[in-house]
Amino acid sequence: MKPRVLVGCCGWAVKGGKQAYYKSFKTVEIQETFYKLPKLDTVRKWKESAPEDFVFNMKAWQAVTHPPSSPTWRRAGIRVPEDAKEKYGDLKPTKENLEAWSKTVEVAKVIGAVVVVVQTPSSFGYTEKNFENADRFFSEVPREGFEIGWEPRGSWRENPDAVRELCKKHGLIHVTDVFRWRPVHRHKIFYTRLHGIGGGEVNYSYKYTDEDLAKLRQMVVEESEGRDACYVLFNNVSMVDDALRFKKLLEAFI
């Protein structure tokens, strides 16, 4: 049996709001949860307004991945006491990070998330200390009805064995941009986030060509072999148009 392949966007990018989005796609990766966790009542309304077969995924709250010095914290307007700043982010197995994860789990349970994406910044590259923190963090955090996807950035790419070890040990989905890096660990779910081709790790202004999408289709077909589900999430400026084009291309092929 062929796995289900769902295409969508990182965020509610379709003009017209969520109802317009639901008409175009059957999955989304919620971005609001990364910056500042929404109220549970708000999340419950999102869930209730969605079609029954719609699949929610979401980014984990940045409190567990990004230090308070990150500009993404300032964008969210979150203030942290000076004496607590060293206790957040970088997957540190601290009481503060574990509490932040618990709050992320609350949202994930209400929305019925299938995958919660933990995206670590380039500054959290591969070191023995960061490996140890990630190992302890993923050992301690609960996952209630959802899978954890880890998108490591920075020097982890030059250390695939370390990524493979952590993903295998903790049952993580290795989330990548497949144009840059194929997953090094095989999970029952394939999950790719597409940030544009070229540049460094992201090139949000890039618009995918027909040739790019044909190549992507081939990679998705290859990666889907033996898996239960595949998620292809576009995360560039032209994500809606690119995702719709790819969805049409994929439907014609599969």
Protein backbone atom coordinates (compact mmCIF):
# COMPACT_ATOMS: atom_id res chain seq x y z
CA MET A 1 0.00 0.00 0.00
CA LYS A 2 1.35 3.42 -0.93
CA PRO A 3 1.94 5.84 1.95
CA ARG A 4 -0.17 8.95 2.22
CA VAL A 5 1.73 11.97 0.86
CA LEU A 6 0.43 15.32 2.11
CA VAL A 7 1.62 18.69 0.81
CA GLY A 8 1.18 21.98 2.62
CA CYS A 9 2.78 25.15 3.95
CA CYS A 10 4.62 26.27 7.04
CA GLY A 11 1.95 28.66 8.26
CA TRP A 12 -1.52 29.74 7.14
CA ALA A 13 -0.20 31.32 3.94
CA VAL A 14 -3.34 31.23 1.78
CA LYS A 15 -5.16 34.54 1.32
CA GLY A 16 -8.56 34.37 2.95
CA GLY A 17 -7.48 32.77 6.22
CA LYS A 18 -7.80 29.25 7.54
CA GLN A 19 -11.02 28.35 5.71
CA ALA A 20 -9.38 29.23 2.41
CA TYR A 21 -6.33 27.22 3.42
CA TYR A 22 -8.45 24.14 4.20
CA LYS A 23 -9.84 24.23 0.66
CA SER A 24 -6.34 24.08 -0.82
CA PHE A 25 -4.41 21.75 1.48
CA LYS A 26 -4.94 18.87 3.88
CA THR A 27 -2.03 19.59 6.21
CA VAL A 28 -0.23 22.54 7.78
CA GLU A 29 2.73 23.17 10.04
CA ILE A 30 1.61 25.73 12.61
CA GLN A 31 4.22 28.47 13.12
CA GLU A 32 2.55 30.50 15.87
CA THR A 33 3.48 27.81 18.39
CA PHE A 34 7.18 28.51 17.80
CA TYR A 35 7.07 32.20 18.65
CA LYS A 36 4.54 32.28 21.46
CA LEU A 37 2.19 29.48 22.45
CA PRO A 38 -1.43 30.43 21.68
CA LYS A 39 -4.17 30.02 24.25
CA LEU A 40 -5.70 26.56 24.39
CA ASP A 41 -9.17 27.97 23.63
CA THR A 42 -7.77 29.51 20.43
CA VAL A 43 -6.17 26.22 19.42
CA ARG A 44 -9.39 24.36 20.16
CA LYS A 45 -11.27 26.67 17.77
CA TRP A 46 -8.71 25.96 15.04
CA LYS A 47 -9.24 22.26 15.52
CA GLU A 48 -13.03 22.53 15.51
CA SER A 49 -13.07 24.66 12.35
CA ALA A 50 -10.93 22.23 10.33
CA PRO A 51 -12.22 19.39 8.14
CA GLU A 52 -12.25 16.04 9.92
CA ASP A 53 -9.44 14.62 7.79
CA PHE A 54 -7.16 17.66 8.10
CA VAL A 55 -3.72 16.92 9.58
CA PHE A 56 -2.09 19.36 11.97
CA ASN A 57 1.65 19.50 12.58
CA MET A 58 3.36 22.23 14.59
CA LYS A 59 6.70 23.71 15.57
CA ALA A 60 7.80 23.32 19.18
CA TRP A 61 8.00 26.48 21.27
CA GLN A 62 11.31 28.26 20.79
CA ALA A 63 11.86 28.31 24.56
CA VAL A 64 13.31 24.80 24.33
CA THR A 65 15.47 25.36 21.24
CA HIS A 66 16.55 29.00 21.01
CA PRO A 67 18.32 30.98 23.76
CA PRO A 68 16.60 34.20 24.93
CA SER A 69 19.28 36.19 23.09
CA SER A 70 17.75 35.03 19.80
CA PRO A 71 15.95 37.75 17.78
CA THR A 72 12.97 35.39 17.55
CA TRP A 73 12.39 35.90 21.29
CA ARG A 74 12.33 39.67 20.84
CA ARG A 75 9.88 39.26 17.96
CA ALA A 76 7.58 37.31 20.28
CA GLY A 77 7.83 40.00 22.96
CA ILE A 78 8.80 37.50 25.65
CA ARG A 79 10.88 38.82 28.53
CA VAL A 80 12.96 36.49 30.66
CA PRO A 81 14.50 37.39 34.03
CA GLU A 82 18.25 37.87 33.77
CA ASP A 83 19.02 35.02 36.15
CA ALA A 84 16.93 32.58 34.07
CA LYS A 85 18.29 33.33 30.60
CA GLU A 86 20.90 30.57 30.71
CA LYS A 87 18.26 27.98 31.54
CA TYR A 88 16.26 28.19 28.29
CA GLY A 89 16.96 26.92 24.79
CA ASP A 90 19.63 24.65 23.26
CA LEU A 91 17.68 21.55 24.39
CA LYS A 92 19.12 21.94 27.89
CA PRO A 93 17.50 19.37 30.21
CA THR A 94 16.63 22.09 32.74
CA LYS A 95 13.44 22.44 34.76
CA GLU A 96 12.60 25.56 32.75
CA ASN A 97 13.01 23.84 29.38
CA LEU A 98 11.05 20.79 30.48
CA GLU A 99 8.22 23.03 31.70
CA ALA A 100 8.28 24.83 28.35
CA TRP A 101 8.01 21.45 26.64
CA SER A 102 5.05 20.51 28.84
CA LYS A 103 3.26 23.65 27.67
CA THR A 104 4.06 22.71 24.07
CA VAL A 105 2.57 19.26 24.69
CA GLU A 106 -0.65 20.81 26.01
CA VAL A 107 -1.13 22.66 22.71
CA ALA A 108 -0.16 19.60 20.66
CA LYS A 109 -2.76 17.46 22.44
CA VAL A 110 -5.57 19.96 21.88
CA ILE A 111 -4.78 20.45 18.19
CA GLY A 112 -4.14 16.73 17.67
CA ALA A 113 -0.69 17.27 16.18
CA VAL A 114 0.80 14.32 14.31
CA VAL A 115 4.35 15.73 14.29
CA VAL A 116 5.90 18.35 16.58
CA VAL A 117 8.98 19.81 14.88
CA VAL A 118 11.92 20.71 17.09
CA GLN A 119 14.05 23.03 14.94
CA THR A 120 17.40 23.84 16.53
CA PRO A 121 19.32 26.91 15.29
CA SER A 122 22.70 26.94 13.57
CA SER A 123 24.23 28.25 16.80
CA PHE A 124 23.32 24.89 18.36
CA GLY A 125 25.82 23.01 16.26
CA TYR A 126 27.41 19.65 16.94
CA THR A 127 29.57 19.57 20.09
CA GLU A 128 29.92 16.94 22.78
CA LYS A 129 27.98 19.17 25.18
CA ASN A 130 25.15 19.81 22.72
CA PHE A 131 24.98 16.10 21.90
CA GLU A 132 24.74 15.33 25.63
CA ASN A 133 22.04 17.97 26.17
CA ALA A 134 20.01 16.69 23.20
CA ASP A 135 20.39 13.10 24.41
CA ARG A 136 19.17 13.95 27.91
CA PHE A 137 16.40 16.25 26.69
CA PHE A 138 14.90 13.73 24.27
CA SER A 139 15.22 11.04 26.96
CA GLU A 140 13.11 13.04 29.40
CA VAL A 141 10.41 14.73 27.32
CA PRO A 142 7.03 13.02 26.94
CA ARG A 143 5.27 12.69 23.60
CA GLU A 144 1.57 12.15 24.03
CA GLY A 145 0.05 10.86 20.81
CA PHE A 146 2.49 12.59 18.46
CA GLU A 147 5.90 12.04 16.90
CA ILE A 148 8.88 14.33 17.43
CA GLY A 149 10.68 15.61 14.36
CA TRP A 150 14.13 17.13 14.81
CA GLU A 151 15.52 19.58 12.26
CA PRO A 152 19.16 20.14 13.28
CA ARG A 153 20.92 23.02 11.59
CA GLY A 154 24.55 24.11 11.59
CA SER A 155 27.43 21.65 11.88
CA TRP A 156 25.23 18.61 12.58
CA ARG A 157 25.18 18.12 8.82
CA GLU A 158 28.91 17.35 8.95
CA ASN A 159 28.25 14.86 11.74
CA PRO A 160 25.54 12.55 10.34
CA ASP A 161 26.50 9.64 12.61
CA ALA A 162 25.65 11.74 15.68
CA VAL A 163 22.29 12.72 14.18
CA ARG A 164 21.56 9.11 13.28
CA GLU A 165 22.44 7.93 16.78
CA LEU A 166 20.12 10.41 18.48
CA CYS A 167 17.26 9.83 16.05
CA LYS A 168 17.53 6.05 16.32
CA LYS A 169 17.85 6.05 20.12
CA HIS A 170 14.92 8.39 20.70
CA GLY A 171 12.67 7.47 17.77
CA LEU A 172 12.96 10.90 16.17
CA ILE A 173 12.03 11.86 12.63
CA HIS A 174 15.10 13.41 11.00
CA VAL A 175 13.53 16.50 9.43
CA THR A 176 15.52 18.03 6.57
CA ASP A 177 15.23 20.09 3.42
CA VAL A 178 15.74 17.24 0.96
CA PHE A 179 17.32 19.54 -1.61
CA ARG A 180 20.14 20.02 0.91
CA TRP A 181 20.24 16.85 2.97
CA ARG A 182 18.48 13.49 2.84
CA PRO A 183 17.40 12.10 6.24
CA VAL A 184 20.06 9.85 7.76
CA HIS A 185 17.61 7.86 9.89
CA ARG A 186 14.63 5.98 8.48
CA HIS A 187 11.45 6.60 10.46
CA LYS A 188 7.94 5.46 9.56
CA ILE A 189 7.20 9.12 8.72
CA PHE A 190 9.09 11.19 6.14
CA TYR A 191 8.97 14.93 6.80
CA THR A 192 10.68 17.61 4.72
CA ARG A 193 10.64 21.41 5.12
CA LEU A 194 11.57 23.27 1.94
CA HIS A 195 13.36 26.58 2.51
CA GLY A 196 14.36 27.46 -1.07
CA ILE A 197 17.40 26.39 -3.08
CA GLY A 198 20.75 28.18 -2.84
CA GLY A 199 22.08 30.54 -0.22
CA GLY A 200 23.04 29.06 3.12
CA GLU A 201 20.56 26.86 4.96
CA VAL A 202 17.59 28.91 3.79
CA ASN A 203 16.76 31.02 0.75
CA TYR A 204 13.18 32.08 1.36
CA SER A 205 12.94 34.29 -1.74
CA TYR A 206 13.57 31.33 -4.07
CA LYS A 207 10.72 30.17 -6.30
CA TYR A 208 10.87 26.52 -7.31
CA THR A 209 11.06 25.79 -11.03
CA ASP A 210 9.18 23.01 -12.81
CA GLU A 211 12.47 21.11 -13.00
CA ASP A 212 12.95 21.51 -9.23
CA LEU A 213 9.49 20.14 -8.54
CA ALA A 214 10.04 17.18 -10.86
CA LYS A 215 13.23 16.40 -8.94
CA LEU A 216 11.37 16.80 -5.65
CA ARG A 217 8.70 14.38 -6.84
CA GLN A 218 11.35 11.77 -7.57
CA MET A 219 12.96 12.24 -4.15
CA VAL A 220 9.60 11.98 -2.38
CA VAL A 221 8.73 8.81 -4.30
CA GLU A 222 12.09 7.31 -3.29
CA GLU A 223 11.77 8.38 0.34
CA SER A 224 8.17 7.17 0.60
CA GLU A 225 9.16 3.56 0.03
CA GLY A 226 8.19 1.49 3.07
CA ARG A 227 6.90 4.44 5.11
CA ASP A 228 3.46 5.09 6.59
CA ALA A 229 3.18 8.78 5.67
CA CYS A 230 5.07 11.63 4.00
CA TYR A 231 4.76 15.36 4.68
CA VAL A 232 6.10 17.95 2.26
CA LEU A 233 5.94 21.45 3.74
CA PHE A 234 6.99 24.52 1.75
CA ASN A 235 8.56 27.38 3.72
CA ASN A 236 9.45 30.07 1.19
CA VAL A 237 7.86 33.33 0.07
CA SER A 238 6.04 31.68 -2.85
CA MET A 239 5.08 28.65 -0.75
CA VAL A 240 1.39 28.63 -1.69
CA ASP A 241 1.94 28.64 -5.44
CA ASP A 242 4.86 26.20 -5.22
CA ALA A 243 2.94 23.83 -2.95
CA LEU A 244 -0.14 23.87 -5.19
CA ARG A 245 1.99 23.20 -8.28
CA PHE A 246 3.77 20.34 -6.55
CA LYS A 247 0.50 18.91 -5.24
CA LYS A 248 -0.89 18.86 -8.79
CA LEU A 249 2.31 17.28 -10.13
CA LEU A 250 2.26 14.63 -7.43
CA GLU A 251 -1.42 13.78 -7.95
CA ALA A 252 -0.86 13.31 -11.67
CA PHE A 253 2.04 10.97 -10.97
CA ILE A 254 0.64 8.95 -8.06
